[in-house]
N, C-alpha and C. Protein backbone atom coordinates (compact mmCIF):
# COMPACT_ATOMS: atom_id res chain seq x y z
N MET A 1 -30.48 27.64 169.71
CA MET A 1 -31.32 26.88 170.20
C MET A 1 -32.49 27.18 170.91
N VAL A 2 -33.78 26.27 170.65
CA VAL A 2 -34.90 26.81 171.38
C VAL A 2 -35.06 25.30 172.26
N TYR A 3 -35.62 25.59 173.42
CA TYR A 3 -35.45 24.48 175.01
C TYR A 3 -36.68 24.59 174.35
N LEU A 4 -37.88 23.60 174.46
CA LEU A 4 -38.85 22.86 175.17
C LEU A 4 -39.28 22.21 176.05
N ASP A 5 -39.88 22.60 177.29
CA ASP A 5 -40.09 21.88 178.54
C ASP A 5 -40.44 20.29 178.25
N PRO A 6 -39.83 19.56 178.82
CA PRO A 6 -39.75 18.07 179.09
C PRO A 6 -41.18 17.41 179.02
N LYS A 7 -41.71 16.39 178.35
CA LYS A 7 -42.90 15.42 178.88
C LYS A 7 -42.53 14.19 179.47
N LEU A 8 -43.50 14.38 180.22
CA LEU A 8 -43.13 13.45 182.03
C LEU A 8 -43.69 12.16 181.50
N ALA A 9 -42.89 10.96 181.89
CA ALA A 9 -43.89 9.76 181.47
C ALA A 9 -43.52 8.95 182.30
N ALA A 10 -44.39 8.05 182.97
CA ALA A 10 -43.83 7.11 184.14
C ALA A 10 -44.63 5.77 183.83
N GLY A 11 -43.44 4.59 184.02
CA GLY A 11 -43.39 3.34 183.94
C GLY A 11 -43.20 2.34 185.01
N VAL A 12 -43.85 0.95 185.03
CA VAL A 12 -43.88 0.61 186.42
C VAL A 12 -42.90 -1.12 185.65
N LEU A 13 -41.90 -1.56 186.61
CA LEU A 13 -41.12 -2.46 186.36
C LEU A 13 -41.44 -3.50 186.89
N ILE A 14 -42.24 -4.60 186.40
CA ILE A 14 -42.76 -5.95 187.37
C ILE A 14 -42.33 -7.22 187.39
N ALA A 15 -41.38 -7.60 188.04
CA ALA A 15 -40.81 -9.41 188.29
C ALA A 15 -41.79 -9.86 188.83
N ARG A 16 -41.26 -10.84 188.44
CA ARG A 16 -41.75 -12.54 188.99
C ARG A 16 -40.84 -13.38 188.78
N ASP A 17 -40.55 -14.25 189.89
CA ASP A 17 -40.01 -15.62 189.93
C ASP A 17 -38.54 -15.35 188.85
N GLY A 18 -37.84 -14.25 188.92
CA GLY A 18 -36.73 -13.71 188.19
C GLY A 18 -36.98 -13.18 186.99
N ARG A 19 -37.94 -13.21 186.27
CA ARG A 19 -38.17 -12.70 184.80
C ARG A 19 -39.09 -11.44 185.19
N VAL A 20 -38.99 -10.50 184.24
CA VAL A 20 -39.97 -9.03 183.87
C VAL A 20 -40.86 -9.19 182.89
N LEU A 21 -41.54 -8.42 183.10
CA LEU A 21 -42.93 -8.48 182.53
C LEU A 21 -42.63 -7.40 180.95
N LEU A 22 -42.29 -8.08 179.73
CA LEU A 22 -42.16 -6.12 178.55
C LEU A 22 -43.74 -6.76 178.43
N GLY A 23 -43.84 -6.00 176.99
CA GLY A 23 -45.01 -5.61 176.42
C GLY A 23 -44.26 -5.14 174.87
N LYS A 24 -45.06 -6.35 173.52
CA LYS A 24 -44.35 -6.06 172.59
C LYS A 24 -45.37 -4.72 171.71
N ARG A 25 -44.42 -3.44 171.32
CA ARG A 25 -45.11 -2.33 170.92
C ARG A 25 -45.73 -2.68 169.17
N GLY A 26 -47.16 -1.89 169.55
CA GLY A 26 -48.18 -2.62 168.24
C GLY A 26 -47.60 -1.40 166.92
N PRO A 27 -47.90 -1.77 166.45
CA PRO A 27 -47.95 -0.40 164.81
C PRO A 27 -47.87 0.74 165.32
N SER A 28 -49.12 0.77 165.91
CA SER A 28 -49.00 2.69 166.24
C SER A 28 -48.26 3.15 167.16
N ALA A 29 -47.71 2.70 167.75
CA ALA A 29 -46.75 2.99 168.69
C ALA A 29 -45.16 3.28 168.42
N ARG A 30 -44.34 4.04 169.04
CA ARG A 30 -42.80 4.32 168.77
C ARG A 30 -42.52 2.74 168.99
N GLU A 31 -41.60 2.82 167.97
CA GLU A 31 -40.60 1.77 167.88
C GLU A 31 -41.51 -0.09 167.95
N PRO A 32 -42.14 0.14 167.47
CA PRO A 32 -43.55 -0.96 166.93
C PRO A 32 -42.22 -2.54 166.39
N GLY A 33 -43.17 -3.40 167.20
CA GLY A 33 -42.33 -4.93 167.33
C GLY A 33 -41.24 -4.70 168.16
N LYS A 34 -40.53 -4.15 169.24
CA LYS A 34 -39.72 -3.70 169.96
C LYS A 34 -40.74 -4.27 171.24
N TRP A 35 -39.87 -4.26 172.51
CA TRP A 35 -40.10 -4.58 173.44
C TRP A 35 -39.91 -3.63 174.92
N SER A 36 -41.06 -3.11 175.65
CA SER A 36 -40.34 -2.50 176.60
C SER A 36 -41.35 -2.23 178.18
N PHE A 37 -40.96 -1.87 178.84
CA PHE A 37 -42.15 -1.59 179.88
C PHE A 37 -43.43 -1.08 179.84
N PRO A 38 -44.45 -1.38 180.60
CA PRO A 38 -45.82 -0.79 180.65
C PRO A 38 -45.12 1.19 181.04
N ALA A 39 -45.89 1.16 180.19
CA ALA A 39 -45.67 3.05 180.32
C ALA A 39 -45.89 4.17 179.63
N GLY A 40 -46.08 5.52 180.15
CA GLY A 40 -47.03 6.47 179.17
C GLY A 40 -47.07 7.31 179.87
N PHE A 41 -47.06 8.68 179.18
CA PHE A 41 -46.86 10.06 179.98
C PHE A 41 -48.21 10.04 180.68
N VAL A 42 -47.96 11.08 181.79
CA VAL A 42 -48.55 11.62 182.70
C VAL A 42 -49.46 12.55 182.43
N GLU A 43 -50.53 12.24 182.76
CA GLU A 43 -51.65 13.35 182.23
C GLU A 43 -51.32 14.70 183.64
N ARG A 44 -51.95 15.94 182.90
CA ARG A 44 -51.77 17.24 183.92
C ARG A 44 -52.95 17.33 185.27
N GLY A 45 -51.80 16.85 185.90
CA GLY A 45 -52.61 17.19 187.38
C GLY A 45 -52.34 15.76 188.41
N GLU A 46 -52.14 14.75 187.62
CA GLU A 46 -51.69 13.00 188.15
C GLU A 46 -50.62 13.27 188.47
N ARG A 47 -50.23 12.20 189.82
CA ARG A 47 -49.66 11.69 190.24
C ARG A 47 -49.04 11.35 189.61
N VAL A 48 -47.63 10.89 189.50
CA VAL A 48 -46.83 10.14 188.96
C VAL A 48 -46.81 8.73 189.19
N GLU A 49 -46.88 8.29 190.40
CA GLU A 49 -47.23 6.98 191.07
C GLU A 49 -48.78 6.55 190.27
N ASP A 50 -49.71 7.50 189.97
CA ASP A 50 -50.92 6.74 189.83
C ASP A 50 -50.66 6.75 188.36
N ALA A 51 -49.67 7.65 187.48
CA ALA A 51 -49.30 7.71 185.96
C ALA A 51 -48.87 5.85 185.86
N ALA A 52 -48.25 5.66 186.73
CA ALA A 52 -47.45 4.36 186.71
C ALA A 52 -48.28 3.00 186.74
N ARG A 53 -49.18 3.41 187.59
CA ARG A 53 -50.69 2.52 188.48
C ARG A 53 -51.44 2.38 186.90
N ARG A 54 -51.93 3.30 186.33
CA ARG A 54 -52.69 3.22 185.07
C ARG A 54 -52.30 2.64 184.13
N GLU A 55 -50.84 3.08 183.74
CA GLU A 55 -50.12 2.63 182.51
C GLU A 55 -49.95 0.53 182.80
N ALA A 56 -49.79 0.45 183.85
CA ALA A 56 -49.41 -1.02 184.25
C ALA A 56 -51.51 -1.58 183.95
N ARG A 57 -52.19 -0.74 184.28
CA ARG A 57 -53.34 -1.57 184.12
C ARG A 57 -54.29 -1.34 182.41
N GLU A 58 -53.66 -0.68 181.97
CA GLU A 58 -53.71 0.19 180.41
C GLU A 58 -53.23 -0.85 179.52
N GLU A 59 -52.13 -1.08 179.77
CA GLU A 59 -51.34 -1.70 178.77
C GLU A 59 -50.96 -3.43 179.25
N ALA A 60 -51.34 -3.52 180.56
CA ALA A 60 -51.09 -5.18 180.73
C ALA A 60 -52.23 -5.65 181.35
N GLY A 61 -53.34 -4.76 181.66
CA GLY A 61 -54.48 -5.97 182.82
C GLY A 61 -54.68 -6.08 183.68
N LEU A 62 -52.99 -5.15 184.47
CA LEU A 62 -53.21 -5.96 186.16
C LEU A 62 -52.48 -4.62 186.55
N ASP A 63 -53.30 -5.06 188.16
CA ASP A 63 -53.40 -3.94 188.78
C ASP A 63 -52.47 -4.13 189.92
N VAL A 64 -51.28 -3.37 190.22
CA VAL A 64 -50.44 -3.29 190.67
C VAL A 64 -50.38 -1.81 191.69
N ALA A 65 -49.46 -2.12 193.20
CA ALA A 65 -48.64 -1.83 193.77
C ALA A 65 -47.50 -1.14 193.76
N ILE A 66 -47.36 0.34 193.81
CA ILE A 66 -46.03 0.69 193.41
C ILE A 66 -45.22 0.36 194.71
N GLY A 67 -44.27 0.59 194.60
CA GLY A 67 -42.90 0.17 195.08
C GLY A 67 -41.85 1.38 194.93
N ARG A 68 -41.04 1.15 194.91
CA ARG A 68 -39.84 2.01 195.00
C ARG A 68 -39.38 2.73 193.87
N LEU A 69 -38.92 4.07 193.76
CA LEU A 69 -38.59 4.28 192.41
C LEU A 69 -37.06 3.77 192.02
N ILE A 70 -37.13 3.53 191.12
CA ILE A 70 -36.20 2.68 190.30
C ILE A 70 -34.95 4.02 190.06
N GLY A 71 -35.60 4.98 189.44
CA GLY A 71 -34.95 6.12 188.82
C GLY A 71 -35.53 7.12 188.00
N LEU A 72 -35.10 8.14 187.53
CA LEU A 72 -35.73 9.17 186.45
C LEU A 72 -34.23 9.13 185.40
N PHE A 73 -34.98 8.78 184.49
CA PHE A 73 -33.92 8.32 183.11
C PHE A 73 -34.41 9.79 181.88
N SER A 74 -33.22 10.12 181.46
CA SER A 74 -33.62 11.11 180.76
C SER A 74 -32.13 11.00 179.78
N THR A 75 -31.92 11.21 178.37
CA THR A 75 -31.21 11.30 177.33
C THR A 75 -30.90 13.00 176.79
N THR A 76 -29.99 13.05 176.32
CA THR A 76 -29.48 14.44 175.99
C THR A 76 -30.27 14.44 174.15
N GLY A 77 -31.47 15.43 174.30
CA GLY A 77 -31.75 15.26 172.92
C GLY A 77 -33.12 14.49 173.10
N GLU A 78 -33.38 13.87 174.14
CA GLU A 78 -34.64 12.79 174.04
C GLU A 78 -35.48 14.23 174.87
N THR A 79 -37.13 14.21 174.55
CA THR A 79 -38.10 15.40 174.93
C THR A 79 -38.98 14.42 176.02
N VAL A 80 -38.77 13.26 176.51
CA VAL A 80 -39.56 12.66 177.27
C VAL A 80 -37.95 11.97 178.92
N VAL A 81 -38.88 12.53 179.75
CA VAL A 81 -38.34 12.19 181.16
C VAL A 81 -38.99 11.17 181.50
N LEU A 82 -38.41 9.53 182.05
CA LEU A 82 -39.04 8.68 182.42
C LEU A 82 -38.71 8.43 183.94
N ALA A 83 -39.89 8.35 184.64
CA ALA A 83 -39.79 7.50 186.03
C ALA A 83 -40.60 6.33 186.20
N VAL A 84 -39.22 5.71 186.52
CA VAL A 84 -40.02 3.44 187.02
C VAL A 84 -39.45 3.54 187.87
N TYR A 85 -41.05 2.84 188.36
CA TYR A 85 -40.88 2.52 189.77
C TYR A 85 -41.03 0.85 189.81
N GLU A 86 -40.75 -0.06 190.92
CA GLU A 86 -40.96 -1.35 190.76
C GLU A 86 -42.40 -1.31 191.24
N GLY A 87 -42.92 -2.61 190.42
CA GLY A 87 -44.58 -2.64 190.68
C GLY A 87 -44.73 -3.79 190.89
N GLU A 88 -45.84 -4.13 192.33
CA GLU A 88 -46.12 -5.59 192.84
C GLU A 88 -47.32 -5.78 192.16
N ILE A 89 -47.70 -6.68 191.36
CA ILE A 89 -48.91 -7.46 190.97
C ILE A 89 -49.64 -7.48 192.08
N ILE A 90 -50.97 -6.75 192.55
CA ILE A 90 -52.19 -7.22 193.10
C ILE A 90 -53.66 -7.44 192.91
N GLY A 91 -53.78 -7.82 191.73
CA GLY A 91 -54.74 -8.08 190.98
C GLY A 91 -54.75 -8.36 189.28
N GLY A 92 -56.11 -8.53 189.20
CA GLY A 92 -55.89 -8.46 187.29
C GLY A 92 -55.54 -9.44 186.63
N GLU A 93 -55.58 -9.72 185.04
CA GLU A 93 -55.06 -10.65 184.24
C GLU A 93 -53.79 -10.38 183.30
N ALA A 94 -52.89 -10.82 182.99
CA ALA A 94 -52.21 -9.85 182.42
C ALA A 94 -52.33 -10.37 180.52
N ILE A 95 -52.70 -9.50 179.92
CA ILE A 95 -52.97 -9.37 178.86
C ILE A 95 -53.15 -7.55 177.90
N ALA A 96 -52.09 -7.94 177.02
CA ALA A 96 -51.96 -7.20 175.82
C ALA A 96 -53.03 -6.17 176.03
N GLY A 97 -53.15 -4.49 176.02
CA GLY A 97 -53.84 -3.43 175.59
C GLY A 97 -53.35 -2.91 175.31
N ASP A 98 -53.88 -1.22 175.25
CA ASP A 98 -53.54 0.06 175.05
C ASP A 98 -52.39 -0.19 173.74
N ASP A 99 -51.33 -0.16 173.46
CA ASP A 99 -50.84 -0.28 171.80
C ASP A 99 -49.93 -1.36 172.62
N LEU A 100 -50.17 -2.31 173.04
CA LEU A 100 -49.22 -3.57 172.71
C LEU A 100 -49.87 -4.26 172.51
N THR A 101 -49.04 -5.25 171.71
CA THR A 101 -50.22 -6.74 171.23
C THR A 101 -49.77 -7.90 171.68
N GLU A 102 -48.83 -7.57 172.76
CA GLU A 102 -48.44 -9.04 173.22
C GLU A 102 -47.50 -8.79 174.52
N LEU A 103 -47.72 -9.55 175.55
CA LEU A 103 -47.27 -9.42 176.96
C LEU A 103 -46.04 -10.98 176.68
N GLY A 104 -45.03 -10.87 177.68
CA GLY A 104 -44.08 -11.29 177.87
C GLY A 104 -43.42 -12.19 178.85
N TRP A 105 -43.18 -13.00 179.63
CA TRP A 105 -42.18 -12.70 180.79
C TRP A 105 -40.67 -13.32 180.57
N PHE A 106 -40.31 -12.23 180.82
CA PHE A 106 -38.57 -12.58 180.14
C PHE A 106 -37.69 -12.50 181.54
N ALA A 107 -36.67 -13.60 181.20
CA ALA A 107 -35.41 -13.94 182.24
C ALA A 107 -34.10 -12.56 182.03
N LEU A 108 -33.60 -12.30 182.47
CA LEU A 108 -33.10 -11.01 182.32
C LEU A 108 -31.44 -11.86 181.30
N THR A 109 -31.68 -12.82 181.50
CA THR A 109 -30.29 -13.24 180.18
C THR A 109 -30.98 -13.56 179.01
N ASP A 110 -32.27 -13.63 178.47
CA ASP A 110 -33.04 -13.89 177.50
C ASP A 110 -34.19 -12.81 176.93
N LEU A 111 -33.74 -11.98 176.85
CA LEU A 111 -34.50 -10.37 176.87
C LEU A 111 -34.59 -10.75 175.63
N PRO A 112 -35.93 -9.96 174.92
CA PRO A 112 -36.39 -9.61 173.21
C PRO A 112 -35.16 -8.14 172.94
N GLU A 113 -35.60 -7.90 171.35
CA GLU A 113 -35.44 -6.63 171.20
C GLU A 113 -36.03 -5.94 172.15
N LEU A 114 -35.18 -4.51 173.00
CA LEU A 114 -35.58 -3.31 173.58
C LEU A 114 -36.16 -2.65 172.62
N ALA A 115 -37.23 -1.85 173.10
CA ALA A 115 -37.53 -0.76 172.34
C ALA A 115 -36.79 0.30 172.34
N PHE A 116 -36.02 0.69 173.98
CA PHE A 116 -35.79 2.06 174.21
C PHE A 116 -33.63 1.57 174.71
N ALA A 117 -33.09 2.19 174.15
CA ALA A 117 -31.65 2.09 175.10
C ALA A 117 -31.79 2.30 176.24
N ARG A 118 -32.54 2.97 176.88
CA ARG A 118 -32.66 3.34 178.41
C ARG A 118 -33.16 2.09 179.22
N ASP A 119 -33.72 1.37 177.94
CA ASP A 119 -34.60 0.27 178.76
C ASP A 119 -33.55 -0.91 179.77
N ARG A 120 -32.50 -0.88 179.12
CA ARG A 120 -30.87 -1.86 179.50
C ARG A 120 -30.72 -1.24 180.75
N GLN A 121 -30.69 -0.12 180.87
CA GLN A 121 -30.16 0.83 181.61
C GLN A 121 -31.25 0.89 183.30
N ILE A 122 -32.91 0.87 182.71
CA ILE A 122 -33.50 0.80 183.81
C ILE A 122 -33.38 -0.17 184.22
N LEU A 123 -33.21 -1.63 183.73
CA LEU A 123 -33.12 -3.05 184.70
C LEU A 123 -31.71 -3.28 185.03
N GLU A 124 -31.50 -2.42 184.92
CA GLU A 124 -29.42 -2.64 185.47
C GLU A 124 -29.83 -1.72 187.17
N ALA A 125 -30.23 -0.18 186.77
CA ALA A 125 -30.85 -0.09 188.11
C ALA A 125 -31.37 -0.70 189.03
N ALA A 126 -32.36 -1.40 188.17
CA ALA A 126 -33.22 -2.14 189.27
C ALA A 126 -32.22 -3.24 190.22
N LEU A 127 -31.63 -4.05 188.87
CA LEU A 127 -30.48 -4.61 189.89
C LEU A 127 -29.91 -4.45 190.79
N ALA A 128 -29.83 -2.87 190.53
CA ALA A 128 -28.48 -2.32 191.87
C ALA A 128 -29.37 -2.40 193.26
N LEU A 129 -31.30 -2.12 192.98
CA LEU A 129 -31.28 -1.56 194.03
C LEU A 129 -31.27 -2.73 194.71
N ASN A 130 -31.79 -3.82 194.45
CA ASN A 130 -32.05 -5.36 194.62
C ASN A 130 -31.24 -6.02 195.16
N ARG A 131 -29.68 -5.98 195.44
CA ARG A 131 -28.41 -6.65 195.57
C ARG A 131 -28.19 -6.15 197.24
């Protein structure tokens, strides 16, 4: 078996009024047409928190203050390790960008089709932090 180093990605969970911000993934993205959090790869030499902030800006048009680490998420066989932070909007205007076609605010009881199995795990971890 060949082992390769994993890629690190950073994501941000932005919540407002009991709803979470999700973006619909475009045709060039992995899992197109499905919804997920603003996230993307950490660049070499970039702080993980800065990458999360950058992805919120690139994908959702929002400036966010990065809060607590919700968790690190990995799956056997998956090449990406995802660090997800809480984010608080401090500026910008919510507009889909990068590889997203639209944005939406969703109640946890009425979520669209999520792009990745770990997305539900992330939401559960965030809820546990805020209990």
